């Protein structure tokens, strides 16, 4: 007997469904992992329905970094050249300003000759590019404004989802349902997967200020005096992230906008006057930094990937790239099973097996960076001072390239099966 479960876990058989469609795979969430997985499977002739709760891709302050690892995957698909025609900026190295001068801790030209940079492009443009490519394949269907509310289950096996749209309830029945719906994943909650959470020591306030043509390019970073600041090049704007101690937003808000501007101007030494463009709290968004992962990414008929399976800290900006690598591995492992019309839990377990260790390693490294560098800076009233031996190590062959290599390619390189 088929049944459904709402987000609150209550069984509901009274929903009137407008229509029901069939797909081999139903992907929930048209973010980077969901869109790439859908494209890869559609290219292999597998009928895909991709559901996105929003009406468009345009959301503020999403991750906009496309690392060399993803550019190589796009190259394997024959898409890199066209992707790089999108308007974008390039980050060739990552630098932090200190009282002793700037420190370059990641030079991507030393770890990748073909794509010696991080491509910085609005995520909305990247997702439009990928889904437009997927639309060329007859088995691909993208439904926007489709808010999934229920899993359809039959004898403990997930058989698809029910979603709400402007014209009522609909359902998609599928051999496999993939939850790729981000850090606040509803699919994860519906499946009753409980993530293991850590407690990163920071939150981030995001806002934008104008960028002038003669400004430096890429990313600027400042740490010390109890705060941190990162500026991301968005061509005509800087996306500014002000790093604060977790839970301190209420005190910052109570101190007032003028006090916040003064703190930021003290760090943003390149152009402190530009902070005057921050005129209202409505310009500020707060990101509560999280890091977590679910112990098991699957159950019969269901798989989680990307942030739905493991929420990443923004340290290193690797979240998008790990999510996309999840999608590539899932497509590699599951294609033949999906073509046969039956996906076993062993196959789903193999996806987690290949991706779990790289995820654990990078989350551990992010935690060390947060604790040993960021927390130290946030809890000190002095400018950040980098020990001489750290500066020396950054110039040692191979050892000095490790930060750039981990950011650019991750712990383990993945490739797209071309069969």
Protein backbone atom coordinates (compact mmCIF):
# COMPACT_ATOMS: atom_id res chain seq x y z
CA UNK A 1 0.00 0.00 0.00
CA UNK A 2 1.36 3.41 -0.97
CA UNK A 3 1.39 6.19 1.58
CA UNK A 4 2.84 9.67 2.00
CA UNK A 5 4.50 11.61 4.74
CA UNK A 6 4.36 15.36 5.27
CA UNK A 7 7.25 17.45 6.57
CA UNK A 8 5.84 17.17 10.10
CA UNK A 9 5.87 13.36 9.83
CA UNK A 10 2.05 13.01 9.88
CA UNK A 11 0.53 10.57 7.42
CA UNK A 12 -1.89 12.23 5.01
CA UNK A 13 -4.10 10.38 2.51
CA UNK A 14 -6.56 13.24 1.87
CA UNK A 15 -4.46 15.25 -0.57
CA UNK A 16 -6.15 15.75 -3.94
CA UNK A 17 -3.49 15.35 -6.61
CA UNK A 18 -3.95 17.24 -9.88
CA UNK A 19 -1.72 14.89 -11.87
CA UNK A 20 0.95 12.26 -11.53
CA UNK A 21 4.02 11.96 -13.74
CA UNK A 22 6.58 9.19 -14.03
CA UNK A 23 10.36 9.57 -14.09
CA UNK A 24 13.24 7.19 -13.63
CA UNK A 25 14.87 9.71 -11.30
CA UNK A 26 13.30 12.62 -9.43
CA UNK A 27 15.83 15.20 -8.22
CA UNK A 28 14.64 17.67 -5.58
CA UNK A 29 16.57 20.94 -5.58
CA UNK A 30 18.01 22.67 -8.66
CA UNK A 31 21.15 23.91 -6.97
CA UNK A 32 24.64 22.95 -8.20
CA UNK A 33 24.48 19.26 -7.22
CA UNK A 34 20.91 18.69 -8.39
CA UNK A 35 21.40 20.48 -11.70
CA UNK A 36 24.67 18.73 -12.53
CA UNK A 37 23.28 15.30 -11.62
CA UNK A 38 20.23 15.95 -13.79
CA UNK A 39 22.39 17.02 -16.73
CA UNK A 40 24.67 13.97 -16.46
CA UNK A 41 21.78 11.51 -16.27
CA UNK A 42 19.80 13.23 -19.04
CA UNK A 43 22.87 13.00 -21.32
CA UNK A 44 22.81 9.24 -20.73
CA UNK A 45 19.19 8.92 -21.79
CA UNK A 46 17.67 8.56 -18.31
CA UNK A 47 14.29 10.32 -17.80
CA UNK A 48 14.81 13.03 -15.15
CA UNK A 49 12.41 15.36 -13.38
CA UNK A 50 14.14 18.21 -11.53
CA UNK A 51 12.01 20.07 -8.98
CA UNK A 52 12.89 23.54 -7.67
CA UNK A 53 10.83 25.22 -4.96
CA UNK A 54 11.60 28.77 -6.10
CA UNK A 55 10.36 30.43 -9.27
CA UNK A 56 13.89 31.44 -10.35
CA UNK A 57 17.54 30.92 -9.43
CA UNK A 58 18.20 34.47 -8.26
CA UNK A 59 19.01 34.46 -4.53
CA UNK A 60 21.38 36.77 -2.65
CA UNK A 61 24.68 35.66 -1.15
CA UNK A 62 24.91 32.15 -2.53
CA UNK A 63 28.28 30.56 -3.17
CA UNK A 64 29.59 31.88 -6.48
CA UNK A 65 32.96 30.15 -6.74
CA UNK A 66 33.66 27.59 -9.46
CA UNK A 67 36.96 25.93 -8.58
CA UNK A 68 39.43 24.28 -11.00
CA UNK A 69 38.06 20.84 -10.07
CA UNK A 70 34.66 21.80 -11.49
CA UNK A 71 36.16 23.54 -14.51
CA UNK A 72 37.94 20.29 -15.38
CA UNK A 73 34.62 18.42 -15.08
CA UNK A 74 33.00 20.99 -17.38
CA UNK A 75 35.91 20.45 -19.77
CA UNK A 76 35.28 16.70 -19.76
CA UNK A 77 31.70 17.51 -20.82
CA UNK A 78 32.89 19.87 -23.54
CA UNK A 79 31.29 22.84 -21.75
CA UNK A 80 34.21 24.71 -20.18
CA UNK A 81 34.84 27.02 -23.12
CA UNK A 82 31.22 28.16 -23.27
CA UNK A 83 30.97 28.43 -19.48
CA UNK A 84 33.99 30.74 -19.40
CA UNK A 85 32.23 33.05 -21.86
CA UNK A 86 29.82 34.02 -19.08
CA UNK A 87 30.72 37.33 -17.51
CA UNK A 88 32.93 36.50 -14.54
CA UNK A 89 35.99 37.47 -12.53
CA UNK A 90 39.00 35.27 -11.79
CA UNK A 91 40.80 34.65 -8.54
CA UNK A 92 44.40 33.56 -9.22
CA UNK A 93 45.56 33.72 -5.61
CA UNK A 94 44.12 34.19 -2.12
CA UNK A 95 45.78 36.76 0.11
CA UNK A 96 45.33 37.94 3.71
CA UNK A 97 46.47 41.38 4.85
CA UNK A 98 48.54 41.44 8.06
CA UNK A 99 50.58 44.11 9.88
CA UNK A 100 53.69 42.47 8.38
CA UNK A 101 52.36 42.76 4.87
CA UNK A 102 50.11 40.61 2.67
CA UNK A 103 50.43 36.81 2.82
CA UNK A 104 49.49 34.69 -0.18
CA UNK A 105 48.35 31.36 1.20
CA UNK A 106 47.00 29.92 -2.07
CA UNK A 107 48.47 30.46 -5.54
CA UNK A 108 46.36 28.47 -7.98
CA UNK A 109 48.80 28.89 -10.85
CA UNK A 110 51.14 26.56 -8.94
CA UNK A 111 48.65 23.69 -8.77
CA UNK A 112 46.74 23.86 -12.06
CA UNK A 113 48.13 24.84 -15.45
CA UNK A 114 44.94 24.62 -17.52
CA UNK A 115 42.65 26.46 -15.08
CA UNK A 116 44.98 28.40 -12.76
CA UNK A 117 42.14 30.35 -11.14
CA UNK A 118 38.81 30.19 -9.37
CA UNK A 119 35.97 31.39 -11.60
CA UNK A 120 33.67 33.77 -9.75
CA UNK A 121 30.27 33.93 -11.40
CA UNK A 122 26.79 34.51 -9.92
CA UNK A 123 25.40 31.10 -9.04
CA UNK A 124 22.12 31.97 -10.77
CA UNK A 125 23.99 32.35 -14.09
CA UNK A 126 25.80 29.04 -13.57
CA UNK A 127 22.55 27.19 -12.80
CA UNK A 128 20.81 28.73 -15.82
CA UNK A 129 23.74 27.61 -17.98
CA UNK A 130 23.60 24.01 -16.70
CA UNK A 131 19.81 23.62 -16.86
CA UNK A 132 19.65 25.17 -20.33
CA UNK A 133 22.21 22.58 -21.43
CA UNK A 134 20.10 19.82 -19.85
CA UNK A 135 16.98 21.03 -21.70
CA UNK A 136 18.55 19.84 -24.96
CA UNK A 137 17.85 16.25 -23.90
CA UNK A 138 14.31 14.91 -24.35
CA UNK A 139 14.21 13.04 -21.05
CA UNK A 140 14.86 16.15 -18.94
CA UNK A 141 12.03 18.06 -17.26
CA UNK A 142 12.55 21.11 -15.01
CA UNK A 143 9.64 22.26 -12.85
CA UNK A 144 10.07 25.59 -11.05
CA UNK A 145 7.87 26.70 -8.17
CA UNK A 146 7.44 23.06 -7.13
CA UNK A 147 7.59 22.86 -3.34
CA UNK A 148 7.96 19.25 -2.21
CA UNK A 149 5.86 18.49 0.85
CA UNK A 150 5.65 14.70 1.03
CA UNK A 151 7.55 11.53 0.29
CA UNK A 152 5.60 8.71 -1.33
CA UNK A 153 6.55 5.46 0.38
CA UNK A 154 5.53 1.87 -0.26
CA UNK A 155 6.60 -0.82 2.22
CA UNK A 156 9.53 1.30 3.40
CA UNK A 157 10.71 2.18 -0.11
CA UNK A 158 10.57 5.78 -1.35
CA UNK A 159 8.65 5.83 -4.63
CA UNK A 160 8.64 9.57 -5.33
CA UNK A 161 7.32 12.86 -3.94
CA UNK A 162 4.26 15.07 -3.79
CA UNK A 163 4.72 18.78 -4.34
CA UNK A 164 2.61 21.91 -4.25
CA UNK A 165 2.52 24.42 -7.10
CA UNK A 166 0.31 27.42 -7.88
CA UNK A 167 -2.34 25.16 -9.42
CA UNK A 168 -2.46 22.62 -6.57
CA UNK A 169 -0.86 19.29 -5.67
CA UNK A 170 1.13 17.10 -8.04
CA UNK A 171 3.20 13.98 -7.67
CA UNK A 172 6.27 12.50 -9.31
CA UNK A 173 6.76 8.75 -9.05
CA UNK A 174 10.30 7.56 -9.64
CA UNK A 175 12.65 4.62 -9.27
CA UNK A 176 15.02 6.91 -7.34
CA UNK A 177 14.46 10.18 -5.51
CA UNK A 178 17.50 12.36 -4.84
CA UNK A 179 17.47 15.04 -2.15
CA UNK A 180 19.73 17.86 -3.36
CA UNK A 181 17.78 20.63 -1.64
CA UNK A 182 20.50 22.26 0.40
CA UNK A 183 21.46 22.87 4.00
CA UNK A 184 17.83 23.19 5.16
CA UNK A 185 16.79 20.08 3.23
CA UNK A 186 13.13 19.19 3.55
CA UNK A 187 13.82 15.78 2.01
CA UNK A 188 16.29 15.10 4.83
CA UNK A 189 13.62 15.98 7.42
CA UNK A 190 10.92 13.97 5.69
CA UNK A 191 13.20 10.93 5.62
CA UNK A 192 13.95 11.50 9.33
CA UNK A 193 17.71 11.65 8.85
CA UNK A 194 19.32 13.37 11.84
CA UNK A 195 22.61 15.16 11.03
CA UNK A 196 25.64 15.13 13.32
CA UNK A 197 26.35 18.81 13.99
CA UNK A 198 29.48 20.64 15.01
CA UNK A 199 29.66 24.17 16.40
CA UNK A 200 31.69 26.50 14.17
CA UNK A 201 32.74 29.55 16.20
CA UNK A 202 31.56 32.19 13.77
CA UNK A 203 28.72 33.76 11.84
CA UNK A 204 28.98 36.06 8.81
CA UNK A 205 27.23 39.33 7.99
CA UNK A 206 26.92 39.82 4.22
CA UNK A 207 26.36 43.08 2.33
CA UNK A 208 27.53 44.79 -0.85
CA UNK A 209 29.53 47.94 -1.64
CA UNK A 210 30.51 49.40 -5.04
CA UNK A 211 33.67 48.18 -6.78
CA UNK A 212 35.69 50.56 -8.97
CA UNK A 213 37.55 49.49 -12.14
CA UNK A 214 40.97 50.18 -10.62
CA UNK A 215 40.28 48.18 -7.43
CA UNK A 216 42.29 45.00 -6.82
CA UNK A 217 40.81 41.83 -8.34
CA UNK A 218 39.73 38.56 -6.75
CA UNK A 219 39.46 38.20 -2.99
CA UNK A 220 40.73 40.48 -0.22
CA UNK A 221 40.95 39.24 3.35
CA UNK A 222 41.58 40.89 6.71
CA UNK A 223 41.75 39.25 10.14
CA UNK A 224 42.33 40.67 13.62
CA UNK A 225 41.09 43.17 16.19
CA UNK A 226 38.25 40.83 17.15
CA UNK A 227 36.78 40.52 13.66
CA UNK A 228 37.46 39.25 10.16
CA UNK A 229 36.59 40.61 6.76
CA UNK A 230 36.50 39.06 3.29
CA UNK A 231 35.72 40.92 0.05
CA UNK A 232 34.69 38.92 -3.01
CA UNK A 233 35.05 40.48 -6.45
CA UNK A 234 31.65 40.68 -8.17
CA UNK A 235 32.86 42.85 -11.10
CA UNK A 236 30.83 46.00 -10.31
CA UNK A 237 30.42 45.24 -6.59
CA UNK A 238 32.30 43.80 -3.65
CA UNK A 239 30.41 41.15 -1.72
CA UNK A 240 31.58 41.81 1.81
CA UNK A 241 31.55 39.19 4.55
CA UNK A 242 32.10 40.51 8.09
CA UNK A 243 33.08 37.58 10.32
CA UNK A 244 31.79 37.73 13.89
CA UNK A 245 31.78 35.46 16.93
CA UNK A 246 28.82 33.09 16.74
CA UNK A 247 25.78 34.45 18.53
CA UNK A 248 27.08 38.02 18.78
CA UNK A 249 24.78 39.55 16.13
CA UNK A 250 22.28 40.87 18.68
CA UNK A 251 25.02 42.83 20.49
CA UNK A 252 26.33 44.20 17.17
CA UNK A 253 22.82 45.23 16.17
CA UNK A 254 22.24 46.89 19.55
CA UNK A 255 25.48 48.88 19.21
CA UNK A 256 24.11 50.44 16.03
CA UNK A 257 24.99 50.71 12.35
CA UNK A 258 27.52 53.49 12.87
CA UNK A 259 29.55 51.31 15.25
CA UNK A 260 29.47 48.48 12.68
CA UNK A 261 30.67 50.80 9.92
CA UNK A 262 33.51 52.03 12.13
CA UNK A 263 34.66 48.46 12.89
CA UNK A 264 34.61 47.49 9.22
CA UNK A 265 36.38 50.68 8.07
CA UNK A 266 39.16 49.89 10.54
CA UNK A 267 39.78 46.57 8.80
CA UNK A 268 39.04 47.57 5.19
CA UNK A 269 42.21 49.57 4.77
CA UNK A 270 42.15 49.59 0.94
CA UNK A 271 39.07 51.83 0.73
CA UNK A 272 37.57 52.50 4.20
CA UNK A 273 35.41 55.36 2.90
CA UNK A 274 33.37 52.93 0.81
CA UNK A 275 31.64 51.61 3.93
CA UNK A 276 29.45 54.73 3.82
CA UNK A 277 27.37 52.90 1.20
CA UNK A 278 26.08 50.68 4.03
CA UNK A 279 23.14 52.83 5.14
CA UNK A 280 20.49 50.44 6.45
CA UNK A 281 20.29 47.14 8.33
CA UNK A 282 18.08 45.91 5.49
CA UNK A 283 21.24 45.75 3.37
CA UNK A 284 22.72 43.17 5.76
CA UNK A 285 22.06 39.41 5.67
CA UNK A 286 23.30 37.08 8.40
CA UNK A 287 24.64 33.61 7.63
CA UNK A 288 24.65 31.28 10.60
CA UNK A 289 27.70 29.16 9.84
CA UNK A 290 27.06 25.44 10.19
CA UNK A 291 28.92 22.20 9.60
CA UNK A 292 27.21 18.83 9.75
CA UNK A 293 26.70 15.52 7.97
CA UNK A 294 24.20 12.70 8.19
CA UNK A 295 25.59 9.27 9.21
CA UNK A 296 23.71 7.54 6.38
CA UNK A 297 22.98 9.31 3.11
CA UNK A 298 20.37 6.88 1.77
CA UNK A 299 17.43 4.59 2.35
CA UNK A 300 15.64 2.38 -0.18
CA UNK A 301 14.64 4.56 -3.12
CA UNK A 302 16.27 7.73 -1.72
CA UNK A 303 19.72 9.36 -1.79
CA UNK A 304 20.98 12.64 -0.31
CA UNK A 305 23.85 14.59 -1.92
CA UNK A 306 25.46 18.00 -1.47
CA UNK A 307 24.47 20.14 1.51
CA UNK A 308 21.47 17.88 2.11
CA UNK A 309 23.97 15.19 3.14
CA UNK A 310 26.75 17.39 4.52
CA UNK A 311 26.52 21.09 5.32
CA UNK A 312 29.89 22.73 4.72
CA UNK A 313 31.48 25.72 6.41
CA UNK A 314 32.22 28.60 3.99
CA UNK A 315 35.96 28.33 4.81
CA UNK A 316 37.74 27.84 1.48
CA UNK A 317 34.50 28.20 -0.47
CA UNK A 318 34.53 24.49 -1.32
CA UNK A 319 30.87 23.64 -0.65
CA UNK A 320 29.64 23.99 -4.24
CA UNK A 321 32.53 21.98 -5.57
CA UNK A 322 32.05 19.10 -3.14
CA UNK A 323 28.33 19.07 -3.95
CA UNK A 324 29.10 18.83 -7.67
CA UNK A 325 31.61 16.04 -7.06
CA UNK A 326 28.85 14.18 -5.16
CA UNK A 327 26.65 14.53 -8.24
CA UNK A 328 29.36 13.20 -10.56
CA UNK A 329 30.01 10.15 -8.38
CA UNK A 330 26.26 9.49 -8.06
CA UNK A 331 25.87 9.59 -11.85
CA UNK A 332 28.89 7.34 -12.36
CA UNK A 333 27.71 4.74 -9.85
CA UNK A 334 23.96 4.74 -10.51
CA UNK A 335 23.61 5.10 -14.30
CA UNK A 336 23.44 1.40 -15.11
CA UNK A 337 21.08 0.65 -12.21
CA UNK A 338 18.76 3.44 -13.28
CA UNK A 339 18.77 2.18 -16.87
CA UNK A 340 17.82 -1.27 -15.53
CA UNK A 341 14.98 0.28 -13.52
CA UNK A 342 16.16 -0.92 -10.10
CA UNK A 343 18.55 0.83 -7.71
CA UNK A 344 19.74 -1.27 -4.78
CA UNK A 345 20.80 0.08 -1.40
CA UNK A 346 24.24 -1.37 -2.12
CA UNK A 347 24.54 1.00 -5.08
CA UNK A 348 23.41 3.94 -2.94
CA UNK A 349 25.87 2.92 -0.24
CA UNK A 350 28.65 2.97 -2.82
CA UNK A 351 27.97 6.65 -3.54
CA UNK A 352 28.36 7.47 0.15
CA UNK A 353 31.44 5.24 0.43
CA UNK A 354 33.24 7.14 -2.32
CA UNK A 355 32.31 10.59 -1.03
CA UNK A 356 32.22 10.28 2.74
CA UNK A 357 35.97 10.25 3.48
CA UNK A 358 36.77 13.33 1.34
CA UNK A 359 33.89 15.12 3.07
CA UNK A 360 35.08 14.19 6.56
CA UNK A 361 38.64 15.25 5.77
CA UNK A 362 37.72 18.65 4.38
CA UNK A 363 35.29 19.33 7.23
CA UNK A 364 38.07 18.49 9.72
CA UNK A 365 40.48 20.82 7.93
CA UNK A 366 37.86 23.58 7.89
CA UNK A 367 37.33 23.09 11.63
CA UNK A 368 41.08 23.42 12.27
CA UNK A 369 41.22 26.63 10.26
CA UNK A 370 38.26 28.01 12.16
CA UNK A 371 39.67 27.11 15.57
CA UNK A 372 43.34 27.96 15.08
CA UNK A 373 43.16 31.00 12.84
CA UNK A 374 39.70 32.55 12.72
CA UNK A 375 38.77 32.04 16.38
CA UNK A 376 42.18 33.32 17.49
CA UNK A 377 41.64 36.46 15.44
CA UNK A 378 38.07 36.95 16.63
CA UNK A 379 39.05 36.66 20.29
CA UNK A 380 42.01 39.05 20.06
CA UNK A 381 42.04 42.83 20.03
CA UNK A 382 45.35 42.81 18.19
CA UNK A 383 46.01 42.58 14.44
CA UNK A 384 46.67 39.09 13.14
CA UNK A 385 50.35 38.17 13.22
CA UNK A 386 51.49 35.12 11.28
CA UNK A 387 54.47 33.23 12.77
CA UNK A 388 57.67 33.34 10.72
CA UNK A 389 57.76 29.55 10.27
CA UNK A 390 54.28 29.57 8.69
CA UNK A 391 55.44 32.18 6.21
CA UNK A 392 58.47 30.00 5.47
CA UNK A 393 56.39 26.84 4.94
CA UNK A 394 54.22 28.65 2.39
CA UNK A 395 57.31 28.98 0.20
CA UNK A 396 58.39 25.34 0.50
CA UNK A 397 57.64 23.29 -2.66
CA UNK A 398 54.64 20.94 -2.32
CA UNK A 399 54.00 21.88 1.35
CA UNK A 400 53.35 25.50 0.44
CA UNK A 401 51.03 24.36 -2.35
CA UNK A 402 48.79 22.24 -0.11
CA UNK A 403 46.26 25.00 0.75
CA UNK A 404 45.87 25.90 -2.94
CA UNK A 405 45.65 22.22 -3.94
CA UNK A 406 42.96 21.43 -1.35
CA UNK A 407 40.91 24.49 -2.29
CA UNK A 408 41.31 23.96 -6.04
CA UNK A 409 40.80 20.19 -6.26
CA UNK A 410 39.68 18.89 -2.89
CA UNK A 411 40.91 15.76 -1.20
CA UNK A 412 40.12 13.39 -4.08
CA UNK A 413 39.78 14.14 -7.78
CA UNK A 414 36.71 12.76 -9.53
CA UNK A 415 36.10 12.29 -13.24
CA UNK A 416 33.01 11.74 -15.37
CA UNK A 417 32.52 8.26 -16.77
CA UNK A 418 32.19 8.73 -20.50
CA UNK A 419 30.59 5.34 -21.21
